[in-house]
Amino acid sequence: MIAVLRLGHRVERDKRITTHVALVARAFGADKIYVDTKDDSLERSVEDVTNRFGGDFEIETGVNWRKLAKSWNGKIVHLTMYGLPLHKVIDDIRKEKNILVVVGSEKVPAEIYQIADYNVSISNQPHSEVSALAIFLDRCLRGKWRRMKFRGIIEIIPSKRKKKVIDKLPTPEECIEILKSAGCSDNVIEHCKRVRDVALKIAECTGANKKIVEVGALLHDIGRSKTHGIRHGIEGARIARKLGLPDVIVRIIERHLGAGIPREEAKKLGLPERDFIPRSLEEKVVAHADNLIEYNRIIRVEEEIERQMRKGNIDYARRLRELHDELSKRCGRDLNDLLREGG
């Protein structure tokens, strides 16, 4: 895994440059970016790019960089004009499994130079941290960006003279046909339609991408054509990948179960040992819309929370409450009240 840590981000002044750092990280093969200052707008900008152009790149802002550095299970590489030349250390860096690349702004805390396993220079002359990161990732990953495949909701067709863009999202009508072709029952299809209706209400209120939400909601239970068990999210994601659906739709399908399943819980349930937590706004909207539908009727979140508490699923109930509160805050009102109107 390669992650990038952006230090010294200033919300009012650095959004453009930090956005470019994130875009370079994504396009050149990093898996995630951490930003030390909380910035919801930056998160949405990067999520939107990932949704539109594909991939599974993640962004997390408001990170305590000292705690991150201390807990990092790998090597830390600090890009600085005062470090050792890249060509002298790159062979050793490539051997590392997990790399945290630190990219600072104007002033980098002195302790970073001591914490870093490698202080690396991309030239000892002043230039952009964006170009430094691009060159480092290109050399470290041996030009991986040239071989990367992205499945976005749009596809850019290379052209010598003009822009050519293809829309890769299926229409709602095509989604229903996809469900039927996969072998979903009428009951599952009706449930998906009901979740779609609720998800669109939440999307309208929270500012989520309504086209992505609609397609994701309609297809979220496609895995029930194979199983109604806990693995239906994984099975659905497998079907979606085979159909060549956009990465964002695959993620919605795979991560829609409840309020998400963390790595430790996934292992206990016999699922692949990784997180199945909804990350993007669109993933959260579809997952929670599904939580609020029972037998095709809208329920209050408290009903589901109480049911899970009775089952002893305390952590799940807590995650459900947190997800509901987060989306309600984005909406500016409790989702229970929003959905009760016209239920």
C-alpha atoms as a PDB file:
ATOM      1  CA  MET A   1       0.000   0.000   0.000  1.00  0.00           C
ATOM      2  CA  ILE A   2       1.133   3.522  -0.773  1.00  0.00           C
ATOM      3  CA  ALA A   3      -0.551   6.399   1.021  1.00  0.00           C
ATOM      4  CA  VAL A   4       0.181  10.113   0.879  1.00  0.00           C
ATOM      5  CA  LEU A   5       0.163  12.436   3.886  1.00  0.00           C
ATOM      6  CA  ARG A   6      -0.425  16.094   3.028  1.00  0.00           C
ATOM      7  CA  LEU A   7       0.829  18.417   5.766  1.00  0.00           C
ATOM      8  CA  GLY A   8       0.054  22.073   6.343  1.00  0.00           C
ATOM      9  CA  HIS A   9      -3.195  22.217   4.378  1.00  0.00           C
ATOM     10  CA  ARG A  10      -5.000  25.547   4.782  1.00  0.00           C
ATOM     11  CA  VAL A  11      -8.668  25.329   3.880  1.00  0.00           C
ATOM     12  CA  GLU A  12      -9.007  28.855   2.505  1.00  0.00           C
ATOM     13  CA  ARG A  13      -5.690  29.036   0.649  1.00  0.00           C
ATOM     14  CA  ASP A  14      -4.602  25.545  -0.358  1.00  0.00           C
ATOM     15  CA  LYS A  15      -7.676  23.775  -1.736  1.00  0.00           C
ATOM     16  CA  ARG A  16      -6.467  23.889  -5.338  1.00  0.00           C
ATOM     17  CA  ILE A  17      -2.907  22.749  -4.671  1.00  0.00           C
ATOM     18  CA  THR A  18      -3.964  20.043  -2.199  1.00  0.00           C
ATOM     19  CA  THR A  19      -6.596  18.847  -4.659  1.00  0.00           C
ATOM     20  CA  HIS A  20      -3.841  18.506  -7.255  1.00  0.00           C
ATOM     21  CA  VAL A  21      -1.702  16.558  -4.785  1.00  0.00           C
ATOM     22  CA  ALA A  22      -4.646  14.182  -4.274  1.00  0.00           C
ATOM     23  CA  LEU A  23      -5.330  13.847  -8.000  1.00  0.00           C
ATOM     24  CA  VAL A  24      -1.689  13.043  -8.723  1.00  0.00           C
ATOM     25  CA  ALA A  25      -1.672  10.493  -5.899  1.00  0.00           C
ATOM     26  CA  ARG A  26      -4.737   8.801  -7.388  1.00  0.00           C
ATOM     27  CA  ALA A  27      -3.649   8.900 -11.029  1.00  0.00           C
ATOM     28  CA  PHE A  28      -0.093   7.708 -10.367  1.00  0.00           C
ATOM     29  CA  GLY A  29      -0.945   4.678  -8.246  1.00  0.00           C
ATOM     30  CA  ALA A  30      -1.301   5.638  -4.569  1.00  0.00           C
ATOM     31  CA  ASP A  31      -4.179   4.069  -2.649  1.00  0.00           C
ATOM     32  CA  LYS A  32      -5.131   6.866  -0.271  1.00  0.00           C
ATOM     33  CA  ILE A  33      -4.387  10.396   0.863  1.00  0.00           C
ATOM     34  CA  TYR A  34      -4.486  11.715   4.422  1.00  0.00           C
ATOM     35  CA  VAL A  35      -4.802  15.469   4.995  1.00  0.00           C
ATOM     36  CA  ASP A  36      -4.003  17.008   8.366  1.00  0.00           C
ATOM     37  CA  THR A  37      -6.798  19.610   8.298  1.00  0.00           C
ATOM     38  CA  LYS A  38     -10.500  18.721   8.162  1.00  0.00           C
ATOM     39  CA  ASP A  39     -11.940  19.850   4.820  1.00  0.00           C
ATOM     40  CA  ASP A  40     -15.314  18.415   3.767  1.00  0.00           C
ATOM     41  CA  SER A  41     -15.268  20.311   0.475  1.00  0.00           C
ATOM     42  CA  LEU A  42     -11.908  18.817  -0.465  1.00  0.00           C
ATOM     43  CA  GLU A  43     -13.166  15.339   0.375  1.00  0.00           C
ATOM     44  CA  ARG A  44     -16.192  15.750  -1.877  1.00  0.00           C
ATOM     45  CA  SER A  45     -14.088  17.122  -4.740  1.00  0.00           C
ATOM     46  CA  VAL A  46     -11.772  14.119  -4.677  1.00  0.00           C
ATOM     47  CA  GLU A  47     -14.640  11.656  -4.182  1.00  0.00           C
ATOM     48  CA  ASP A  48     -16.382  13.169  -7.194  1.00  0.00           C
ATOM     49  CA  VAL A  49     -13.315  12.645  -9.378  1.00  0.00           C
ATOM     50  CA  THR A  50     -12.970   9.050  -8.195  1.00  0.00           C
ATOM     51  CA  ASN A  51     -16.663   8.409  -8.843  1.00  0.00           C
ATOM     52  CA  ARG A  52     -16.564   9.912 -12.321  1.00  0.00           C
ATOM     53  CA  PHE A  53     -13.243   8.534 -13.509  1.00  0.00           C
ATOM     54  CA  GLY A  54     -13.027   5.261 -11.566  1.00  0.00           C
ATOM     55  CA  GLY A  55     -10.727   3.483  -9.163  1.00  0.00           C
ATOM     56  CA  ASP A  56     -10.930   2.941  -5.416  1.00  0.00           C
ATOM     57  CA  PHE A  57      -8.883   5.895  -4.175  1.00  0.00           C
ATOM     58  CA  GLU A  58      -9.725   7.156  -0.678  1.00  0.00           C
ATOM     59  CA  ILE A  59      -9.323  10.502   1.066  1.00  0.00           C
ATOM     60  CA  GLU A  60      -9.433  11.211   4.795  1.00  0.00           C
ATOM     61  CA  THR A  61      -9.066  14.726   6.179  1.00  0.00           C
ATOM     62  CA  GLY A  62      -8.647  16.027   9.717  1.00  0.00           C
ATOM     63  CA  VAL A  63      -6.018  13.392  10.495  1.00  0.00           C
ATOM     64  CA  ASN A  64      -3.670  13.664  13.475  1.00  0.00           C
ATOM     65  CA  TRP A  65      -0.436  13.181  11.555  1.00  0.00           C
ATOM     66  CA  ARG A  66       1.659  12.373  14.621  1.00  0.00           C
ATOM     67  CA  LYS A  67      -0.634   9.491  15.580  1.00  0.00           C
ATOM     68  CA  LEU A  68      -0.703   8.309  11.974  1.00  0.00           C
ATOM     69  CA  ALA A  69       3.079   8.357  11.692  1.00  0.00           C
ATOM     70  CA  LYS A  70       3.476   6.562  15.013  1.00  0.00           C
ATOM     71  CA  SER A  71       1.024   3.804  14.092  1.00  0.00           C
ATOM     72  CA  TRP A  72       2.121   3.428  10.457  1.00  0.00           C
ATOM     73  CA  ASN A  73       3.082  -0.187   9.759  1.00  0.00           C
ATOM     74  CA  GLY A  74       5.691   0.506   7.122  1.00  0.00           C
ATOM     75  CA  LYS A  75       8.252   3.075   6.027  1.00  0.00           C
ATOM     76  CA  ILE A  76       7.818   6.845   5.895  1.00  0.00           C
ATOM     77  CA  VAL A  77       9.237   8.784   2.945  1.00  0.00           C
ATOM     78  CA  HIS A  78       9.437  12.564   3.228  1.00  0.00           C
ATOM     79  CA  LEU A  79       9.799  14.445  -0.059  1.00  0.00           C
ATOM     80  CA  THR A  80      12.048  17.460   0.502  1.00  0.00           C
ATOM     81  CA  MET A  81      14.649  19.345  -1.529  1.00  0.00           C
ATOM     82  CA  TYR A  82      17.057  18.842   1.386  1.00  0.00           C
ATOM     83  CA  GLY A  83      16.969  15.038   1.266  1.00  0.00           C
ATOM     84  CA  LEU A  84      19.056  12.389  -0.434  1.00  0.00           C
ATOM     85  CA  PRO A  85      18.755  12.199  -4.239  1.00  0.00           C
ATOM     86  CA  LEU A  86      15.955   9.885  -5.338  1.00  0.00           C
ATOM     87  CA  HIS A  87      18.183   7.719  -7.527  1.00  0.00           C
ATOM     88  CA  LYS A  88      20.346   6.791  -4.526  1.00  0.00           C
ATOM     89  CA  VAL A  89      17.510   5.405  -2.390  1.00  0.00           C
ATOM     90  CA  ILE A  90      14.739   4.350  -4.772  1.00  0.00           C
ATOM     91  CA  ASP A  91      15.867   0.709  -5.011  1.00  0.00           C
ATOM     92  CA  ASP A  92      15.627   0.322  -1.229  1.00  0.00           C
ATOM     93  CA  ILE A  93      12.268   2.108  -1.052  1.00  0.00           C
ATOM     94  CA  ARG A  94      10.779  -0.180  -3.703  1.00  0.00           C
ATOM     95  CA  LYS A  95      11.380  -3.170  -1.426  1.00  0.00           C
ATOM     96  CA  GLU A  96       8.961  -1.822   1.174  1.00  0.00           C
ATOM     97  CA  LYS A  97       5.393  -3.147   1.326  1.00  0.00           C
ATOM     98  CA  ASN A  98       3.707  -0.145   2.954  1.00  0.00           C
ATOM     99  CA  ILE A  99       4.904   3.381   2.228  1.00  0.00           C
ATOM    100  CA  LEU A 100       3.623   6.670   3.629  1.00  0.00           C
ATOM    101  CA  VAL A 101       4.754   9.572   1.432  1.00  0.00           C
ATOM    102  CA  VAL A 102       4.837  12.894   3.270  1.00  0.00           C
ATOM    103  CA  VAL A 103       4.216  15.979   1.134  1.00  0.00           C
ATOM    104  CA  GLY A 104       4.465  19.267   2.994  1.00  0.00           C
ATOM    105  CA  SER A 105       3.525  22.827   2.151  1.00  0.00           C
ATOM    106  CA  GLU A 106       5.587  25.906   3.007  1.00  0.00           C
ATOM    107  CA  LYS A 107       6.607  24.957   6.535  1.00  0.00           C
ATOM    108  CA  VAL A 108       7.189  21.351   7.522  1.00  0.00           C
ATOM    109  CA  PRO A 109       7.621  20.518  11.233  1.00  0.00           C
ATOM    110  CA  ALA A 110      11.267  19.763  12.024  1.00  0.00           C
ATOM    111  CA  GLU A 111      10.343  16.462  13.654  1.00  0.00           C
ATOM    112  CA  ILE A 112       9.234  15.100  10.275  1.00  0.00           C
ATOM    113  CA  TYR A 113      12.884  14.912   9.258  1.00  0.00           C
ATOM    114  CA  GLN A 114      13.548  12.707  12.294  1.00  0.00           C
ATOM    115  CA  ILE A 115      10.417  10.567  11.991  1.00  0.00           C
ATOM    116  CA  ALA A 116      10.959   9.807   8.302  1.00  0.00           C
ATOM    117  CA  ASP A 117      12.848   6.661   7.342  1.00  0.00           C
ATOM    118  CA  TYR A 118      13.850   8.399   4.123  1.00  0.00           C
ATOM    119  CA  ASN A 119      14.191  12.121   3.416  1.00  0.00           C
ATOM    120  CA  VAL A 120      14.209  12.191  -0.375  1.00  0.00           C
ATOM    121  CA  SER A 121      14.840  14.989  -2.852  1.00  0.00           C
ATOM    122  CA  ILE A 122      13.408  15.200  -6.349  1.00  0.00           C
ATOM    123  CA  SER A 123      16.110  17.705  -7.329  1.00  0.00           C
ATOM    124  CA  ASN A 124      17.647  20.098  -4.828  1.00  0.00           C
ATOM    125  CA  GLN A 125      16.031  23.037  -6.584  1.00  0.00           C
ATOM    126  CA  PRO A 126      12.718  24.690  -5.638  1.00  0.00           C
ATOM    127  CA  HIS A 127       9.689  23.333  -7.508  1.00  0.00           C
ATOM    128  CA  SER A 128       6.148  22.119  -6.890  1.00  0.00           C
ATOM    129  CA  GLU A 129       5.268  19.408  -4.383  1.00  0.00           C
ATOM    130  CA  VAL A 130       2.813  18.167  -7.011  1.00  0.00           C
ATOM    131  CA  SER A 131       5.576  17.480  -9.529  1.00  0.00           C
ATOM    132  CA  ALA A 132       7.753  15.947  -6.804  1.00  0.00           C
ATOM    133  CA  LEU A 133       5.005  13.480  -5.886  1.00  0.00           C
ATOM    134  CA  ALA A 134       4.324  12.592  -9.525  1.00  0.00           C
ATOM    135  CA  ILE A 135       7.991  11.857 -10.211  1.00  0.00           C
ATOM    136  CA  PHE A 136       8.399   9.866  -7.006  1.00  0.00           C
ATOM    137  CA  LEU A 137       5.352   7.665  -7.671  1.00  0.00           C
ATOM    138  CA  ASP A 138       6.375   7.144 -11.285  1.00  0.00           C
ATOM    139  CA  ARG A 139       9.847   5.950 -10.264  1.00  0.00           C
ATOM    140  CA  CYS A 140       8.741   4.006  -7.201  1.00  0.00           C
ATOM    141  CA  LEU A 141       6.016   2.091  -9.039  1.00  0.00           C
ATOM    142  CA  ARG A 142       7.978   1.799 -12.305  1.00  0.00           C
ATOM    143  CA  GLY A 143       5.426   3.674 -14.372  1.00  0.00           C
ATOM    144  CA  LYS A 144       2.430   1.764 -13.005  1.00  0.00           C
ATOM    145  CA  TRP A 145       0.122   4.615 -14.068  1.00  0.00           C
ATOM    146  CA  ARG A 146       0.567   3.601 -17.716  1.00  0.00           C
ATOM    147  CA  ARG A 147      -0.918   0.174 -16.985  1.00  0.00           C
ATOM    148  CA  MET A 148      -3.705   1.155 -14.603  1.00  0.00           C
ATOM    149  CA  LYS A 149      -7.295   0.510 -15.654  1.00  0.00           C
ATOM    150  CA  PHE A 150     -10.122   2.662 -14.329  1.00  0.00           C
ATOM    151  CA  ARG A 151     -13.846   2.008 -14.681  1.00  0.00           C
ATOM    152  CA  GLY A 152     -15.571   5.324 -14.163  1.00  0.00           C
ATOM    153  CA  ILE A 153     -19.077   6.484 -14.914  1.00  0.00           C
ATOM    154  CA  ILE A 154     -17.509   8.159 -17.922  1.00  0.00           C
ATOM    155  CA  GLU A 155     -14.764   6.948 -20.234  1.00  0.00           C
ATOM    156  CA  ILE A 156     -12.370   9.214 -22.117  1.00  0.00           C
ATOM    157  CA  ILE A 157     -11.673   8.000 -25.641  1.00  0.00           C
ATOM    158  CA  PRO A 158      -8.232   9.162 -26.865  1.00  0.00           C
ATOM    159  CA  SER A 159      -8.595  11.426 -29.870  1.00  0.00           C
ATOM    160  CA  LYS A 160      -6.190  13.511 -31.915  1.00  0.00           C
ATOM    161  CA  ARG A 161      -8.533  16.423 -32.577  1.00  0.00           C
ATOM    162  CA  LYS A 162     -11.566  16.416 -30.278  1.00  0.00           C
ATOM    163  CA  LYS A 163     -13.017  15.423 -26.925  1.00  0.00           C
ATOM    164  CA  LYS A 164     -14.823  12.102 -26.911  1.00  0.00           C
ATOM    165  CA  VAL A 165     -16.553  10.942 -23.727  1.00  0.00           C
ATOM    166  CA  ILE A 166     -18.771   7.891 -23.216  1.00  0.00           C
ATOM    167  CA  ASP A 167     -21.348   7.661 -20.409  1.00  0.00           C
ATOM    168  CA  LYS A 168     -20.947   4.263 -18.726  1.00  0.00           C
ATOM    169  CA  LEU A 169     -23.853   4.427 -16.258  1.00  0.00           C
ATOM    170  CA  PRO A 170     -26.819   2.239 -17.182  1.00  0.00           C
ATOM    171  CA  THR A 171     -30.242   3.885 -17.260  1.00  0.00           C
ATOM    172  CA  PRO A 172     -32.840   2.963 -14.607  1.00  0.00           C
ATOM    173  CA  GLU A 173     -34.637   0.851 -17.203  1.00  0.00           C
ATOM    174  CA  GLU A 174     -31.412  -0.956 -18.040  1.00  0.00           C
ATOM    175  CA  CYS A 175     -30.826  -1.579 -14.328  1.00  0.00           C
ATOM    176  CA  ILE A 176     -34.158  -3.397 -14.050  1.00  0.00           C
ATOM    177  CA  GLU A 177     -33.246  -5.538 -17.058  1.00  0.00           C
ATOM    178  CA  ILE A 178     -29.861  -6.286 -15.469  1.00  0.00           C
ATOM    179  CA  LEU A 179     -31.612  -7.485 -12.300  1.00  0.00           C
ATOM    180  CA  LYS A 180     -33.973  -9.684 -14.311  1.00  0.00           C
ATOM    181  CA  SER A 181     -31.150 -11.139 -16.409  1.00  0.00           C
ATOM    182  CA  ALA A 182     -29.167 -11.919 -13.260  1.00  0.00           C
ATOM    183  CA  GLY A 183     -32.120 -13.919 -11.938  1.00  0.00           C
ATOM    184  CA  CYS A 184     -33.452 -11.629  -9.206  1.00  0.00           C
ATOM    185  CA  SER A 185     -36.988 -12.343  -8.022  1.00  0.00           C
ATOM    186  CA  ASP A 186     -39.835  -9.869  -8.398  1.00  0.00           C
ATOM    187  CA  ASN A 187     -39.731  -9.249  -4.639  1.00  0.00           C
ATOM    188  CA  VAL A 188     -36.050  -8.306  -4.774  1.00  0.00           C
ATOM    189  CA  ILE A 189     -36.662  -5.999  -7.714  1.00  0.00           C
ATOM    190  CA  GLU A 190     -39.534  -4.259  -5.934  1.00  0.00           C
ATOM    191  CA  HIS A 191     -37.362  -3.862  -2.849  1.00  0.00           C
ATOM    192  CA  CYS A 192     -34.601  -2.306  -4.961  1.00  0.00           C
ATOM    193  CA  LYS A 193     -37.087   0.155  -6.439  1.00  0.00           C
ATOM    194  CA  ARG A 194     -38.272   1.142  -2.966  1.00  0.00           C
ATOM    195  CA  VAL A 195     -34.710   1.646  -1.754  1.00  0.00           C
ATOM    196  CA  ARG A 196     -34.106   3.734  -4.884  1.00  0.00           C
ATOM    197  CA  ASP A 197     -37.009   6.032  -3.987  1.00  0.00           C
ATOM    198  CA  VAL A 198     -35.742   6.577  -0.442  1.00  0.00           C
ATOM    199  CA  ALA A 199     -32.128   6.962  -1.528  1.00  0.00           C
ATOM    200  CA  LEU A 200     -33.045   9.670  -4.030  1.00  0.00           C
ATOM    201  CA  LYS A 201     -34.793  11.661  -1.299  1.00  0.00           C
ATOM    202  CA  ILE A 202     -31.693  11.463   0.866  1.00  0.00           C
ATOM    203  CA  ALA A 203     -29.443  12.277  -2.088  1.00  0.00           C
ATOM    204  CA  GLU A 204     -31.470  15.377  -2.912  1.00  0.00           C
ATOM    205  CA  CYS A 205     -31.139  16.584   0.665  1.00  0.00           C
ATOM    206  CA  THR A 206     -27.457  15.760   1.191  1.00  0.00           C
ATOM    207  CA  GLY A 207     -26.053  16.808  -2.175  1.00  0.00           C
ATOM    208  CA  ALA A 208     -25.046  13.317  -3.286  1.00  0.00           C
ATOM    209  CA  ASN A 209     -24.803  12.485  -6.994  1.00  0.00           C
ATOM    210  CA  LYS A 210     -28.372  11.420  -7.797  1.00  0.00           C
ATOM    211  CA  LYS A 211     -27.522   9.473 -10.958  1.00  0.00           C
ATOM    212  CA  ILE A 212     -24.959   7.355  -9.124  1.00  0.00           C
ATOM    213  CA  VAL A 213     -27.287   6.888  -6.153  1.00  0.00           C
ATOM    214  CA  GLU A 214     -30.177   5.783  -8.367  1.00  0.00           C
ATOM    215  CA  VAL A 215     -28.148   3.181 -10.238  1.00  0.00           C
ATOM    216  CA  GLY A 216     -26.414   1.982  -7.070  1.00  0.00           C
ATOM    217  CA  ALA A 217     -29.708   1.658  -5.212  1.00  0.00           C
ATOM    218  CA  LEU A 218     -31.411  -0.227  -8.028  1.00  0.00           C
ATOM    219  CA  LEU A 219     -28.525  -2.698  -8.281  1.00  0.00           C
ATOM    220  CA  HIS A 220     -27.504  -2.935  -4.611  1.00  0.00           C
ATOM    221  CA  ASP A 221     -29.144  -6.340  -4.100  1.00  0.00           C
ATOM    222  CA  ILE A 222     -28.208  -7.954  -7.410  1.00  0.00           C
ATOM    223  CA  GLY A 223     -26.222 -10.496  -5.388  1.00  0.00           C
ATOM    224  CA  ARG A 224     -29.500 -11.884  -4.036  1.00  0.00           C
ATOM    225  CA  SER A 225     -29.806 -13.627  -7.387  1.00  0.00           C
ATOM    226  CA  LYS A 226     -27.162 -15.994  -5.938  1.00  0.00           C
ATOM    227  CA  THR A 227     -27.656 -15.878  -2.166  1.00  0.00           C
ATOM    228  CA  HIS A 228     -29.705 -14.101   0.477  1.00  0.00           C
ATOM    229  CA  GLY A 229     -26.952 -14.583   3.043  1.00  0.00           C
ATOM    230  CA  ILE A 230     -24.288 -12.210   4.317  1.00  0.00           C
ATOM    231  CA  ARG A 231     -22.239 -12.758   1.151  1.00  0.00           C
ATOM    232  CA  HIS A 232     -24.824 -11.247  -1.183  1.00  0.00           C
ATOM    233  CA  GLY A 233     -22.891  -7.971  -1.244  1.00  0.00           C
ATOM    234  CA  ILE A 234     -19.709  -9.725  -2.335  1.00  0.00           C
ATOM    235  CA  GLU A 235     -21.580 -11.833  -4.883  1.00  0.00           C
ATOM    236  CA  GLY A 236     -23.273  -8.721  -6.221  1.00  0.00           C
ATOM    237  CA  ALA A 237     -19.954  -6.921  -6.583  1.00  0.00           C
ATOM    238  CA  ARG A 238     -18.563  -9.912  -8.469  1.00  0.00           C
ATOM    239  CA  ILE A 239     -21.507  -9.838 -10.877  1.00  0.00           C
ATOM    240  CA  ALA A 240     -21.144  -6.078 -11.330  1.00  0.00           C
ATOM    241  CA  ARG A 241     -17.434  -6.362 -12.134  1.00  0.00           C
ATOM    242  CA  LYS A 242     -18.141  -9.114 -14.643  1.00  0.00           C
ATOM    243  CA  LEU A 243     -20.698  -6.845 -16.314  1.00  0.00           C
ATOM    244  CA  GLY A 244     -18.110  -4.058 -16.491  1.00  0.00           C
ATOM    245  CA  LEU A 245     -20.118  -1.665 -14.332  1.00  0.00           C
ATOM    246  CA  PRO A 246     -18.346   1.447 -12.981  1.00  0.00           C
ATOM    247  CA  ASP A 247     -16.171   1.038  -9.882  1.00  0.00           C
ATOM    248  CA  VAL A 248     -18.396   3.328  -7.818  1.00  0.00           C
ATOM    249  CA  ILE A 249     -21.408   1.058  -8.442  1.00  0.00           C
ATOM    250  CA  VAL A 250     -19.362  -2.007  -7.518  1.00  0.00           C
ATOM    251  CA  ARG A 251     -18.386  -0.347  -4.232  1.00  0.00           C
ATOM    252  CA  ILE A 252     -21.980   0.610  -3.426  1.00  0.00           C
ATOM    253  CA  ILE A 253     -23.075  -2.992  -3.944  1.00  0.00           C
ATOM    254  CA  GLU A 254     -20.199  -4.473  -1.946  1.00  0.00           C
ATOM    255  CA  ARG A 255     -20.429  -2.067   1.001  1.00  0.00           C
ATOM    256  CA  HIS A 256     -24.180  -1.625   1.407  1.00  0.00           C
ATOM    257  CA  LEU A 257     -24.747  -4.118   4.214  1.00  0.00           C
ATOM    258  CA  GLY A 258     -26.100  -2.321   7.274  1.00  0.00           C
ATOM    259  CA  ALA A 259     -23.799   0.484   8.340  1.00  0.00           C
ATOM    260  CA  GLY A 260     -20.807  -1.365   6.945  1.00  0.00           C
ATOM    261  CA  ILE A 261     -18.705  -4.255   8.188  1.00  0.00           C
ATOM    262  CA  PRO A 262     -15.213  -3.534   9.578  1.00  0.00           C
ATOM    263  CA  ARG A 263     -12.280  -5.840   8.834  1.00  0.00           C
ATOM    264  CA  GLU A 264     -12.329  -7.632  12.208  1.00  0.00           C
ATOM    265  CA  GLU A 265     -16.042  -8.369  11.972  1.00  0.00           C
ATOM    266  CA  ALA A 266     -15.758  -9.445   8.338  1.00  0.00           C
ATOM    267  CA  LYS A 267     -13.195 -12.067   9.318  1.00  0.00           C
ATOM    268  CA  LYS A 268     -15.493 -13.459  12.034  1.00  0.00           C
ATOM    269  CA  LEU A 269     -18.352 -13.656   9.524  1.00  0.00           C
ATOM    270  CA  GLY A 270     -16.251 -15.624   7.057  1.00  0.00           C
ATOM    271  CA  LEU A 271     -15.957 -12.743   4.602  1.00  0.00           C
ATOM    272  CA  PRO A 272     -12.707 -11.623   2.963  1.00  0.00           C
ATOM    273  CA  GLU A 273     -10.520  -9.933   5.573  1.00  0.00           C
ATOM    274  CA  ARG A 274     -10.991  -6.295   4.578  1.00  0.00           C
ATOM    275  CA  ASP A 275     -13.221  -3.354   5.409  1.00  0.00           C
ATOM    276  CA  PHE A 276     -16.720  -3.239   3.918  1.00  0.00           C
ATOM    277  CA  ILE A 277     -17.470   0.214   5.308  1.00  0.00           C
ATOM    278  CA  PRO A 278     -19.264   2.722   3.039  1.00  0.00           C
ATOM    279  CA  ARG A 279     -16.833   5.602   2.481  1.00  0.00           C
ATOM    280  CA  SER A 280     -18.203   7.994  -0.110  1.00  0.00           C
ATOM    281  CA  LEU A 281     -21.406   9.966   0.342  1.00  0.00           C
ATOM    282  CA  GLU A 282     -23.141   7.945  -2.360  1.00  0.00           C
ATOM    283  CA  GLU A 283     -22.179   4.659  -0.698  1.00  0.00           C
ATOM    284  CA  LYS A 284     -23.515   5.899   2.643  1.00  0.00           C
ATOM    285  CA  VAL A 285     -26.783   7.134   1.145  1.00  0.00           C
ATOM    286  CA  VAL A 286     -27.614   3.807  -0.514  1.00  0.00           C
ATOM    287  CA  ALA A 287     -26.555   1.742   2.500  1.00  0.00           C
ATOM    288  CA  HIS A 288     -28.704   3.780   4.853  1.00  0.00           C
ATOM    289  CA  ALA A 289     -31.699   3.893   2.529  1.00  0.00           C
ATOM    290  CA  ASP A 290     -31.591   0.097   2.629  1.00  0.00           C
ATOM    291  CA  ASN A 291     -31.464   0.229   6.443  1.00  0.00           C
ATOM    292  CA  LEU A 292     -34.660   2.281   6.525  1.00  0.00           C
ATOM    293  CA  ILE A 293     -36.744  -0.107   4.406  1.00  0.00           C
ATOM    294  CA  GLU A 294     -38.395  -3.167   5.927  1.00  0.00           C
ATOM    295  CA  TYR A 295     -40.780  -5.242   3.832  1.00  0.00           C
ATOM    296  CA  ASN A 296     -40.940  -2.275   1.445  1.00  0.00           C
ATOM    297  CA  ARG A 297     -42.135   0.146   4.118  1.00  0.00           C
ATOM    298  CA  ILE A 298     -40.136   3.017   5.598  1.00  0.00           C
ATOM    299  CA  ILE A 299     -39.148   2.559   9.234  1.00  0.00           C
ATOM    300  CA  ARG A 300     -37.561   4.875  11.783  1.00  0.00           C
ATOM    301  CA  VAL A 301     -33.888   4.209  12.371  1.00  0.00           C
ATOM    302  CA  GLU A 302     -34.634   3.569  16.051  1.00  0.00           C
ATOM    303  CA  GLU A 303     -36.577   0.431  15.085  1.00  0.00           C
ATOM    304  CA  GLU A 304     -33.531  -1.089  13.422  1.00  0.00           C
ATOM    305  CA  ILE A 305     -31.210   0.062  16.208  1.00  0.00           C
ATOM    306  CA  GLU A 306     -33.435  -1.536  18.865  1.00  0.00           C
ATOM    307  CA  ARG A 307     -33.639  -4.766  16.856  1.00  0.00           C
ATOM    308  CA  GLN A 308     -29.850  -4.963  16.618  1.00  0.00           C
ATOM    309  CA  MET A 309     -29.451  -4.157  20.316  1.00  0.00           C
ATOM    310  CA  ARG A 310     -31.763  -7.055  21.197  1.00  0.00           C
ATOM    311  CA  LYS A 311     -29.575  -9.321  19.083  1.00  0.00           C
ATOM    312  CA  GLY A 312     -26.504  -8.138  20.945  1.00  0.00           C
ATOM    313  CA  ASN A 313     -25.040  -6.348  17.928  1.00  0.00           C
ATOM    314  CA  ILE A 314     -23.939  -3.335  19.961  1.00  0.00           C
ATOM    315  CA  ASP A 315     -21.180  -2.140  17.626  1.00  0.00           C
ATOM    316  CA  TYR A 316     -23.444  -2.444  14.610  1.00  0.00           C
ATOM    317  CA  ALA A 317     -26.175  -0.444  16.374  1.00  0.00           C
ATOM    318  CA  ARG A 318     -23.631   2.271  17.205  1.00  0.00           C
ATOM    319  CA  ARG A 319     -22.424   2.476  13.586  1.00  0.00           C
ATOM    320  CA  LEU A 320     -26.023   2.672  12.418  1.00  0.00           C
ATOM    321  CA  ARG A 321     -26.732   5.579  14.770  1.00  0.00           C
ATOM    322  CA  GLU A 322     -23.583   7.382  13.646  1.00  0.00           C
ATOM    323  CA  LEU A 323     -24.419   6.925   9.960  1.00  0.00           C
ATOM    324  CA  HIS A 324     -27.958   8.196  10.469  1.00  0.00           C
ATOM    325  CA  ASP A 325     -26.741  11.225  12.408  1.00  0.00           C
ATOM    326  CA  GLU A 326     -24.052  12.026   9.831  1.00  0.00           C
ATOM    327  CA  LEU A 327     -26.508  12.016   6.927  1.00  0.00           C
ATOM    328  CA  SER A 328     -29.115  13.911   8.944  1.00  0.00           C
ATOM    329  CA  LYS A 329     -26.526  16.589   9.695  1.00  0.00           C
ATOM    330  CA  ARG A 330     -25.692  16.906   6.002  1.00  0.00           C
ATOM    331  CA  CYS A 331     -29.392  17.157   5.256  1.00  0.00           C
ATOM    332  CA  GLY A 332     -30.042  19.758   7.937  1.00  0.00           C
ATOM    333  CA  ARG A 333     -32.874  17.749   9.456  1.00  0.00           C
ATOM    334  CA  ASP A 334     -33.498  14.287  10.850  1.00  0.00           C
ATOM    335  CA  LEU A 335     -33.963  11.751   8.065  1.00  0.00           C
ATOM    336  CA  ASN A 336     -36.840  10.207  10.013  1.00  0.00           C
ATOM    337  CA  ASP A 337     -38.766  13.447   9.546  1.00  0.00           C
ATOM    338  CA  LEU A 338     -37.714  13.855   5.919  1.00  0.00           C
ATOM    339  CA  LEU A 339     -38.887  10.385   4.946  1.00  0.00           C
ATOM    340  CA  ARG A 340     -42.107  10.559   6.935  1.00  0.00           C
ATOM    341  CA  GLU A 341     -43.292  13.273   4.559  1.00  0.00           C
ATOM    342  CA  GLY A 342     -45.002  11.398   1.787  1.00  0.00           C
ATOM    343  CA  GLY A 343     -43.563   8.090   3.195  1.00  0.00           C
END
